[in-house]
Each structure stands twice: as C-alpha cells, then as structure tokens.
Amino acid sequence: AAIARALRPAGVFHIGMKTGEGEHRDSIDRLYTY
C-alpha cells in the first residue's frame, strides 16, 4: 500500500519474491517470506 501511494497514477512496480509458503531463515540466517 505504501508503494502504491508513492507511485504516480499508472506508475509501474517490478518485484520478485521466492515462491512457497510461510517464513523461513536460510543457511546464512536471512529471513525469507514465501
């Protein structure tokens, strides 16, 4: 919602996420939301 408010009308948003379910830490202790 914050990104949508910050963009101009018709502004483009490009985003990548890992797919799956839940939240997990990887082997180097970084939190990922799937």
PDB file of all heavy atoms in Angstrom:
ATOM      1  N   ALA A   1       0.836  -1.210   0.000  1.00  0.00           N
ATOM      2  CA  ALA A   1       0.000   0.000   0.000  1.00  0.00           C
ATOM      3  C   ALA A   1       0.867   1.254   0.000  1.00  0.00           C
ATOM      4  O   ALA A   1       0.559   2.236  -0.682  1.00  0.00           O
ATOM      5  CB  ALA A   1      -0.940  -0.019   1.199  1.00  0.00           C
ATOM      6  N   ALA A   2       1.972   1.237   0.747  1.00  0.00           N
ATOM      7  CA  ALA A   2       2.870   2.395   0.795  1.00  0.00           C
ATOM      8  C   ALA A   2       3.523   2.632  -0.564  1.00  0.00           C
ATOM      9  O   ALA A   2       3.664   3.781  -1.002  1.00  0.00           O
ATOM     10  CB  ALA A   2       3.933   2.192   1.872  1.00  0.00           C
ATOM     11  N   ILE A   3       3.900   1.567  -1.238  1.00  0.00           N
ATOM     12  CA  ILE A   3       4.490   1.700  -2.568  1.00  0.00           C
ATOM     13  C   ILE A   3       3.454   2.254  -3.537  1.00  0.00           C
ATOM     14  O   ILE A   3       3.752   3.147  -4.340  1.00  0.00           O
ATOM     15  CB  ILE A   3       5.062   0.353  -3.043  1.00  0.00           C
ATOM     16  CG1 ILE A   3       6.294   0.005  -2.197  1.00  0.00           C
ATOM     17  CG2 ILE A   3       5.401   0.386  -4.529  1.00  0.00           C
ATOM     18  CD1 ILE A   3       6.744  -1.430  -2.316  1.00  0.00           C
ATOM     19  N   ALA A   4       2.230   1.787  -3.457  1.00  0.00           N
ATOM     20  CA  ALA A   4       1.168   2.295  -4.327  1.00  0.00           C
ATOM     21  C   ALA A   4       0.946   3.791  -4.091  1.00  0.00           C
ATOM     22  O   ALA A   4       0.783   4.557  -5.042  1.00  0.00           O
ATOM     23  CB  ALA A   4      -0.125   1.522  -4.102  1.00  0.00           C
ATOM     24  N   ARG A   5       0.962   4.207  -2.829  1.00  0.00           N
ATOM     25  CA  ARG A   5       0.782   5.642  -2.529  1.00  0.00           C
ATOM     26  C   ARG A   5       1.936   6.472  -3.087  1.00  0.00           C
ATOM     27  O   ARG A   5       1.750   7.612  -3.501  1.00  0.00           O
ATOM     28  CB  ARG A   5       0.665   5.866  -1.022  1.00  0.00           C
ATOM     29  CG  ARG A   5      -0.681   5.517  -0.443  1.00  0.00           C
ATOM     30  CD  ARG A   5      -0.852   6.022   0.987  1.00  0.00           C
ATOM     31  NE  ARG A   5       0.204   5.584   1.895  1.00  0.00           N
ATOM     32  CZ  ARG A   5       0.223   4.412   2.540  1.00  0.00           C
ATOM     33  NH1 ARG A   5      -0.767   3.542   2.359  1.00  0.00           N
ATOM     34  NH2 ARG A   5       1.216   4.106   3.341  1.00  0.00           N
ATOM     35  N   ALA A   6       3.134   5.912  -3.094  1.00  0.00           N
ATOM     36  CA  ALA A   6       4.314   6.654  -3.540  1.00  0.00           C
ATOM     37  C   ALA A   6       4.392   6.781  -5.061  1.00  0.00           C
ATOM     38  O   ALA A   6       5.026   7.716  -5.559  1.00  0.00           O
ATOM     39  CB  ALA A   6       5.577   5.981  -3.018  1.00  0.00           C
ATOM     40  N   LEU A   7       3.762   5.865  -5.773  1.00  0.00           N
ATOM     41  CA  LEU A   7       3.817   5.896  -7.235  1.00  0.00           C
ATOM     42  C   LEU A   7       2.799   6.867  -7.824  1.00  0.00           C
ATOM     43  O   LEU A   7       1.718   7.062  -7.272  1.00  0.00           O
ATOM     44  CB  LEU A   7       3.539   4.503  -7.804  1.00  0.00           C
ATOM     45  CG  LEU A   7       4.669   3.491  -7.725  1.00  0.00           C
ATOM     46  CD1 LEU A   7       4.171   2.127  -8.190  1.00  0.00           C
ATOM     47  CD2 LEU A   7       5.851   3.929  -8.570  1.00  0.00           C
ATOM     48  N   ARG A   8       3.141   7.424  -8.944  1.00  0.00           N
ATOM     49  CA  ARG A   8       2.202   8.242  -9.710  1.00  0.00           C
ATOM     50  C   ARG A   8       1.116   7.345 -10.283  1.00  0.00           C
ATOM     51  O   ARG A   8       1.333   6.144 -10.451  1.00  0.00           O
ATOM     52  CB  ARG A   8       2.920   8.929 -10.861  1.00  0.00           C
ATOM     53  CG  ARG A   8       3.938   9.924 -10.427  1.00  0.00           C
ATOM     54  CD  ARG A   8       4.604  10.514 -11.631  1.00  0.00           C
ATOM     55  NE  ARG A   8       5.635  11.439 -11.193  1.00  0.00           N
ATOM     56  CZ  ARG A   8       6.406  12.112 -11.999  1.00  0.00           C
ATOM     57  NH1 ARG A   8       6.297  11.956 -13.300  1.00  0.00           N
ATOM     58  NH2 ARG A   8       7.304  12.933 -11.525  1.00  0.00           N
ATOM     59  N   PRO A   9      -0.037   7.910 -10.646  1.00  0.00           N
ATOM     60  CA  PRO A   9      -1.048   7.106 -11.342  1.00  0.00           C
ATOM     61  C   PRO A   9      -0.417   6.454 -12.576  1.00  0.00           C
ATOM     62  O   PRO A   9       0.360   7.093 -13.294  1.00  0.00           O
ATOM     63  CB  PRO A   9      -2.112   8.128 -11.727  1.00  0.00           C
ATOM     64  CG  PRO A   9      -1.976   9.202 -10.692  1.00  0.00           C
ATOM     65  CD  PRO A   9      -0.491   9.285 -10.401  1.00  0.00           C
ATOM     66  N   ALA A  10      -0.711   5.199 -12.775  1.00  0.00           N
ATOM     67  CA  ALA A  10      -0.186   4.382 -13.872  1.00  0.00           C
ATOM     68  C   ALA A  10       1.305   4.067 -13.725  1.00  0.00           C
ATOM     69  O   ALA A  10       1.925   3.567 -14.648  1.00  0.00           O
ATOM     70  CB  ALA A  10      -0.477   5.003 -15.238  1.00  0.00           C
ATOM     71  N   GLY A  11       1.891   4.368 -12.535  1.00  0.00           N
ATOM     72  CA  GLY A  11       3.287   4.027 -12.283  1.00  0.00           C
ATOM     73  C   GLY A  11       3.480   2.516 -12.278  1.00  0.00           C
ATOM     74  O   GLY A  11       2.572   1.762 -11.942  1.00  0.00           O
ATOM     75  N   VAL A  12       4.657   2.064 -12.664  1.00  0.00           N
ATOM     76  CA  VAL A  12       4.944   0.631 -12.783  1.00  0.00           C
ATOM     77  C   VAL A  12       5.809   0.176 -11.616  1.00  0.00           C
ATOM     78  O   VAL A  12       6.763   0.843 -11.222  1.00  0.00           O
ATOM     79  CB  VAL A  12       5.633   0.326 -14.127  1.00  0.00           C
ATOM     80  CG1 VAL A  12       6.039  -1.134 -14.218  1.00  0.00           C
ATOM     81  CG2 VAL A  12       4.707   0.690 -15.281  1.00  0.00           C
ATOM     82  N   PHE A  13       5.458  -0.979 -11.078  1.00  0.00           N
ATOM     83  CA  PHE A  13       6.143  -1.598  -9.947  1.00  0.00           C
ATOM     84  C   PHE A  13       6.625  -2.971 -10.399  1.00  0.00           C
ATOM     85  O   PHE A  13       5.861  -3.769 -10.934  1.00  0.00           O
ATOM     86  CB  PHE A  13       5.142  -1.711  -8.784  1.00  0.00           C
ATOM     87  CG  PHE A  13       5.666  -2.352  -7.536  1.00  0.00           C
ATOM     88  CD1 PHE A  13       6.947  -2.126  -7.081  1.00  0.00           C
ATOM     89  CD2 PHE A  13       4.831  -3.163  -6.794  1.00  0.00           C
ATOM     90  CE1 PHE A  13       7.406  -2.705  -5.905  1.00  0.00           C
ATOM     91  CE2 PHE A  13       5.273  -3.748  -5.610  1.00  0.00           C
ATOM     92  CZ  PHE A  13       6.565  -3.518  -5.168  1.00  0.00           C
ATOM     93  N   HIS A  14       7.905  -3.243 -10.192  1.00  0.00           N
ATOM     94  CA  HIS A  14       8.523  -4.519 -10.575  1.00  0.00           C
ATOM     95  C   HIS A  14       9.049  -5.159  -9.303  1.00  0.00           C
ATOM     96  O   HIS A  14       9.834  -4.536  -8.572  1.00  0.00           O
ATOM     97  CB  HIS A  14       9.669  -4.241 -11.555  1.00  0.00           C
ATOM     98  CG  HIS A  14      10.388  -5.445 -12.033  1.00  0.00           C
ATOM     99  ND1 HIS A  14      10.031  -6.104 -13.178  1.00  0.00           N
ATOM    100  CD2 HIS A  14      11.444  -6.117 -11.521  1.00  0.00           C
ATOM    101  CE1 HIS A  14      10.846  -7.123 -13.361  1.00  0.00           C
ATOM    102  NE2 HIS A  14      11.716  -7.159 -12.369  1.00  0.00           N
ATOM    103  N   ILE A  15       8.628  -6.385  -9.001  1.00  0.00           N
ATOM    104  CA  ILE A  15       9.020  -7.026  -7.754  1.00  0.00           C
ATOM    105  C   ILE A  15       9.197  -8.526  -7.956  1.00  0.00           C
ATOM    106  O   ILE A  15       8.472  -9.149  -8.726  1.00  0.00           O
ATOM    107  CB  ILE A  15       7.987  -6.750  -6.634  1.00  0.00           C
ATOM    108  CG1 ILE A  15       8.434  -7.373  -5.310  1.00  0.00           C
ATOM    109  CG2 ILE A  15       6.588  -7.157  -7.042  1.00  0.00           C
ATOM    110  CD1 ILE A  15       7.602  -6.967  -4.106  1.00  0.00           C
ATOM    111  N   GLY A  16      10.165  -9.082  -7.248  1.00  0.00           N
ATOM    112  CA  GLY A  16      10.402 -10.515  -7.247  1.00  0.00           C
ATOM    113  C   GLY A  16      10.331 -11.055  -5.830  1.00  0.00           C
ATOM    114  O   GLY A  16      10.781 -10.400  -4.895  1.00  0.00           O
ATOM    115  N   MET A  17       9.751 -12.231  -5.687  1.00  0.00           N
ATOM    116  CA  MET A  17       9.638 -12.907  -4.392  1.00  0.00           C
ATOM    117  C   MET A  17       9.927 -14.394  -4.597  1.00  0.00           C
ATOM    118  O   MET A  17       9.699 -14.928  -5.674  1.00  0.00           O
ATOM    119  CB  MET A  17       8.230 -12.765  -3.816  1.00  0.00           C
ATOM    120  CG  MET A  17       7.781 -11.348  -3.513  1.00  0.00           C
ATOM    121  SD  MET A  17       8.522 -10.615  -2.063  1.00  0.00           S
ATOM    122  CE  MET A  17       7.691 -11.527  -0.752  1.00  0.00           C
ATOM    123  N   LYS A  18      10.379 -15.046  -3.532  1.00  0.00           N
ATOM    124  CA  LYS A  18      10.512 -16.502  -3.580  1.00  0.00           C
ATOM    125  C   LYS A  18       9.123 -17.102  -3.412  1.00  0.00           C
ATOM    126  O   LYS A  18       8.306 -16.589  -2.659  1.00  0.00           O
ATOM    127  CB  LYS A  18      11.439 -16.999  -2.485  1.00  0.00           C
ATOM    128  CG  LYS A  18      12.893 -16.611  -2.742  1.00  0.00           C
ATOM    129  CD  LYS A  18      13.826 -17.291  -1.799  1.00  0.00           C
ATOM    130  CE  LYS A  18      15.260 -16.903  -2.117  1.00  0.00           C
ATOM    131  NZ  LYS A  18      16.223 -17.750  -1.424  1.00  0.00           N
ATOM    132  N   THR A  19       8.865 -18.196  -4.117  1.00  0.00           N
ATOM    133  CA  THR A  19       7.554 -18.817  -4.019  1.00  0.00           C
ATOM    134  C   THR A  19       7.583 -19.996  -3.050  1.00  0.00           C
ATOM    135  O   THR A  19       8.600 -20.652  -2.872  1.00  0.00           O
ATOM    136  CB  THR A  19       7.037 -19.283  -5.392  1.00  0.00           C
ATOM    137  OG1 THR A  19       7.995 -20.124  -6.011  1.00  0.00           O
ATOM    138  CG2 THR A  19       6.740 -18.092  -6.291  1.00  0.00           C
ATOM    139  N   GLY A  20       6.446 -20.179  -2.437  1.00  0.00           N
ATOM    140  CA  GLY A  20       6.271 -21.221  -1.431  1.00  0.00           C
ATOM    141  C   GLY A  20       5.297 -20.708  -0.397  1.00  0.00           C
ATOM    142  O   GLY A  20       4.465 -19.844  -0.684  1.00  0.00           O
ATOM    143  N   GLU A  21       5.434 -21.198   0.822  1.00  0.00           N
ATOM    144  CA  GLU A  21       4.537 -20.763   1.899  1.00  0.00           C
ATOM    145  C   GLU A  21       5.330 -20.550   3.177  1.00  0.00           C
ATOM    146  O   GLU A  21       6.299 -21.256   3.439  1.00  0.00           O
ATOM    147  CB  GLU A  21       3.446 -21.794   2.123  1.00  0.00           C
ATOM    148  CG  GLU A  21       2.511 -21.926   0.936  1.00  0.00           C
ATOM    149  CD  GLU A  21       1.343 -22.846   1.208  1.00  0.00           C
ATOM    150  OE1 GLU A  21       1.151 -23.265   2.360  1.00  0.00           O
ATOM    151  OE2 GLU A  21       0.616 -23.148   0.245  1.00  0.00           O
ATOM    152  N   GLY A  22       4.911 -19.571   3.943  1.00  0.00           N
ATOM    153  CA  GLY A  22       5.495 -19.337   5.258  1.00  0.00           C
ATOM    154  C   GLY A  22       6.705 -18.425   5.230  1.00  0.00           C
ATOM    155  O   GLY A  22       6.995 -17.754   4.245  1.00  0.00           O
ATOM    156  N   GLU A  23       7.391 -18.399   6.359  1.00  0.00           N
ATOM    157  CA  GLU A  23       8.617 -17.629   6.540  1.00  0.00           C
ATOM    158  C   GLU A  23       9.685 -18.590   7.057  1.00  0.00           C
ATOM    159  O   GLU A  23       9.405 -19.416   7.917  1.00  0.00           O
ATOM    160  CB  GLU A  23       8.415 -16.517   7.566  1.00  0.00           C
ATOM    161  CG  GLU A  23       7.407 -15.476   7.183  1.00  0.00           C
ATOM    162  CD  GLU A  23       7.167 -14.457   8.308  1.00  0.00           C
ATOM    163  OE1 GLU A  23       7.545 -14.725   9.457  1.00  0.00           O
ATOM    164  OE2 GLU A  23       6.594 -13.411   8.008  1.00  0.00           O
ATOM    165  N   HIS A  24      10.881 -18.451   6.513  1.00  0.00           N
ATOM    166  CA  HIS A  24      11.969 -19.332   6.937  1.00  0.00           C
ATOM    167  C   HIS A  24      13.284 -18.579   6.844  1.00  0.00           C
ATOM    168  O   HIS A  24      13.425 -17.670   6.034  1.00  0.00           O
ATOM    169  CB  HIS A  24      12.052 -20.576   6.053  1.00  0.00           C
ATOM    170  CG  HIS A  24      10.769 -21.327   5.937  1.00  0.00           C
ATOM    171  ND1 HIS A  24      10.287 -22.130   6.935  1.00  0.00           N
ATOM    172  CD2 HIS A  24       9.840 -21.371   4.948  1.00  0.00           C
ATOM    173  CE1 HIS A  24       9.129 -22.649   6.558  1.00  0.00           C
ATOM    174  NE2 HIS A  24       8.834 -22.187   5.357  1.00  0.00           N
ATOM    175  N   ARG A  25      14.241 -18.989   7.649  1.00  0.00           N
ATOM    176  CA  ARG A  25      15.600 -18.455   7.546  1.00  0.00           C
ATOM    177  C   ARG A  25      16.433 -19.411   6.706  1.00  0.00           C
ATOM    178  O   ARG A  25      16.290 -20.618   6.810  1.00  0.00           O
ATOM    179  CB  ARG A  25      16.213 -18.280   8.929  1.00  0.00           C
ATOM    180  CG  ARG A  25      15.502 -17.173   9.702  1.00  0.00           C
ATOM    181  CD  ARG A  25      16.347 -16.638  10.832  1.00  0.00           C
ATOM    182  NE  ARG A  25      15.681 -15.482  11.407  1.00  0.00           N
ATOM    183  CZ  ARG A  25      15.893 -14.225  11.033  1.00  0.00           C
ATOM    184  NH1 ARG A  25      16.785 -13.964  10.094  1.00  0.00           N
ATOM    185  NH2 ARG A  25      15.252 -13.234  11.600  1.00  0.00           N
ATOM    186  N   ASP A  26      17.306 -18.839   5.871  1.00  0.00           N
ATOM    187  CA  ASP A  26      18.174 -19.684   5.058  1.00  0.00           C
ATOM    188  C   ASP A  26      19.414 -20.077   5.859  1.00  0.00           C
ATOM    189  O   ASP A  26      19.538 -19.736   7.041  1.00  0.00           O
ATOM    190  CB  ASP A  26      18.507 -19.007   3.726  1.00  0.00           C
ATOM    191  CG  ASP A  26      19.360 -17.752   3.858  1.00  0.00           C
ATOM    192  OD1 ASP A  26      19.886 -17.471   4.966  1.00  0.00           O
ATOM    193  OD2 ASP A  26      19.522 -17.050   2.842  1.00  0.00           O
ATOM    194  N   SER A  27      20.344 -20.765   5.218  1.00  0.00           N
ATOM    195  CA  SER A  27      21.526 -21.273   5.924  1.00  0.00           C
ATOM    196  C   SER A  27      22.465 -20.170   6.389  1.00  0.00           C
ATOM    197  O   SER A  27      23.347 -20.427   7.220  1.00  0.00           O
ATOM    198  CB  SER A  27      22.282 -22.263   5.029  1.00  0.00           C
ATOM    199  OG  SER A  27      22.779 -21.595   3.878  1.00  0.00           O
ATOM    200  N   ILE A  28      22.286 -18.948   5.881  1.00  0.00           N
ATOM    201  CA  ILE A  28      23.103 -17.830   6.370  1.00  0.00           C
ATOM    202  C   ILE A  28      22.254 -16.851   7.184  1.00  0.00           C
ATOM    203  O   ILE A  28      22.591 -15.688   7.328  1.00  0.00           O
ATOM    204  CB  ILE A  28      23.890 -17.147   5.230  1.00  0.00           C
ATOM    205  CG1 ILE A  28      23.003 -16.728   4.069  1.00  0.00           C
ATOM    206  CG2 ILE A  28      24.990 -18.062   4.733  1.00  0.00           C
ATOM    207  CD1 ILE A  28      23.734 -16.018   2.934  1.00  0.00           C
ATOM    208  N   ASP A  29      21.145 -17.384   7.719  1.00  0.00           N
ATOM    209  CA  ASP A  29      20.277 -16.725   8.701  1.00  0.00           C
ATOM    210  C   ASP A  29      19.498 -15.519   8.191  1.00  0.00           C
ATOM    211  O   ASP A  29      19.104 -14.652   8.952  1.00  0.00           O
ATOM    212  CB  ASP A  29      21.073 -16.347   9.962  1.00  0.00           C
ATOM    213  CG  ASP A  29      20.171 -16.224  11.176  1.00  0.00           C
ATOM    214  OD1 ASP A  29      19.189 -16.984  11.276  1.00  0.00           O
ATOM    215  OD2 ASP A  29      20.430 -15.341  12.024  1.00  0.00           O
ATOM    216  N   ARG A  30      19.237 -15.458   6.884  1.00  0.00           N
ATOM    217  CA  ARG A  30      18.397 -14.380   6.356  1.00  0.00           C
ATOM    218  C   ARG A  30      16.949 -14.851   6.346  1.00  0.00           C
ATOM    219  O   ARG A  30      16.654 -15.964   5.907  1.00  0.00           O
ATOM    220  CB  ARG A  30      18.819 -13.998   4.939  1.00  0.00           C
ATOM    221  CG  ARG A  30      20.203 -13.388   4.893  1.00  0.00           C
ATOM    222  CD  ARG A  30      20.654 -13.141   3.491  1.00  0.00           C
ATOM    223  NE  ARG A  30      20.579 -14.398   2.751  1.00  0.00           N
ATOM    224  CZ  ARG A  30      20.703 -14.497   1.438  1.00  0.00           C
ATOM    225  NH1 ARG A  30      20.906 -13.440   0.711  1.00  0.00           N
ATOM    226  NH2 ARG A  30      20.634 -15.672   0.838  1.00  0.00           N
ATOM    227  N   LEU A  31      16.052 -13.985   6.813  1.00  0.00           N
ATOM    228  CA  LEU A  31      14.624 -14.288   6.817  1.00  0.00           C
ATOM    229  C   LEU A  31      14.064 -14.109   5.414  1.00  0.00           C
ATOM    230  O   LEU A  31      14.318 -13.095   4.758  1.00  0.00           O
ATOM    231  CB  LEU A  31      13.867 -13.363   7.773  1.00  0.00           C
ATOM    232  CG  LEU A  31      12.341 -13.519   7.760  1.00  0.00           C
ATOM    233  CD1 LEU A  31      11.939 -14.847   8.390  1.00  0.00           C
ATOM    234  CD2 LEU A  31      11.685 -12.357   8.472  1.00  0.00           C
ATOM    235  N   TYR A  32      13.291 -15.098   4.969  1.00  0.00           N
ATOM    236  CA  TYR A  32      12.577 -15.002   3.701  1.00  0.00           C
ATOM    237  C   TYR A  32      11.100 -15.240   3.946  1.00  0.00           C
ATOM    238  O   TYR A  32      10.721 -16.119   4.708  1.00  0.00           O
ATOM    239  CB  TYR A  32      13.071 -16.046   2.683  1.00  0.00           C
ATOM    240  CG  TYR A  32      14.363 -15.653   2.036  1.00  0.00           C
ATOM    241  CD1 TYR A  32      15.567 -16.116   2.539  1.00  0.00           C
ATOM    242  CD2 TYR A  32      14.373 -14.812   0.936  1.00  0.00           C
ATOM    243  CE1 TYR A  32      16.762 -15.743   1.946  1.00  0.00           C
ATOM    244  CE2 TYR A  32      15.560 -14.435   0.340  1.00  0.00           C
ATOM    245  CZ  TYR A  32      16.753 -14.906   0.851  1.00  0.00           C
ATOM    246  OH  TYR A  32      17.927 -14.536   0.269  1.00  0.00           O
ATOM    247  N   THR A  33      10.281 -14.446   3.290  1.00  0.00           N
ATOM    248  CA  THR A  33       8.845 -14.663   3.256  1.00  0.00           C
ATOM    249  C   THR A  33       8.525 -15.227   1.885  1.00  0.00           C
ATOM    250  O   THR A  33       8.921 -14.662   0.858  1.00  0.00           O
ATOM    251  CB  THR A  33       8.086 -13.348   3.491  1.00  0.00           C
ATOM    252  OG1 THR A  33       8.328 -12.929   4.821  1.00  0.00           O
ATOM    253  CG2 THR A  33       6.597 -13.524   3.278  1.00  0.00           C
ATOM    254  N   TYR A  34       7.846 -16.355   1.857  1.00  0.00           N
ATOM    255  CA  TYR A  34       7.487 -17.026   0.616  1.00  0.00           C
ATOM    256  C   TYR A  34       6.029 -16.740   0.303  1.00  0.00           C
ATOM    257  O   TYR A  34       5.198 -16.615   1.205  1.00  0.00           O
ATOM    258  CB  TYR A  34       7.715 -18.539   0.759  1.00  0.00           C
ATOM    259  CG  TYR A  34       9.159 -18.870   1.026  1.00  0.00           C
ATOM    260  CD1 TYR A  34       9.654 -18.890   2.326  1.00  0.00           C
ATOM    261  CD2 TYR A  34      10.036 -19.136  -0.014  1.00  0.00           C
ATOM    262  CE1 TYR A  34      10.990 -19.176   2.582  1.00  0.00           C
ATOM    263  CE2 TYR A  34      11.361 -19.423   0.232  1.00  0.00           C
ATOM    264  CZ  TYR A  34      11.834 -19.438   1.533  1.00  0.00           C
ATOM    265  OH  TYR A  34      13.150 -19.712   1.778  1.00  0.00           O
TER     266      TYR A  34
END
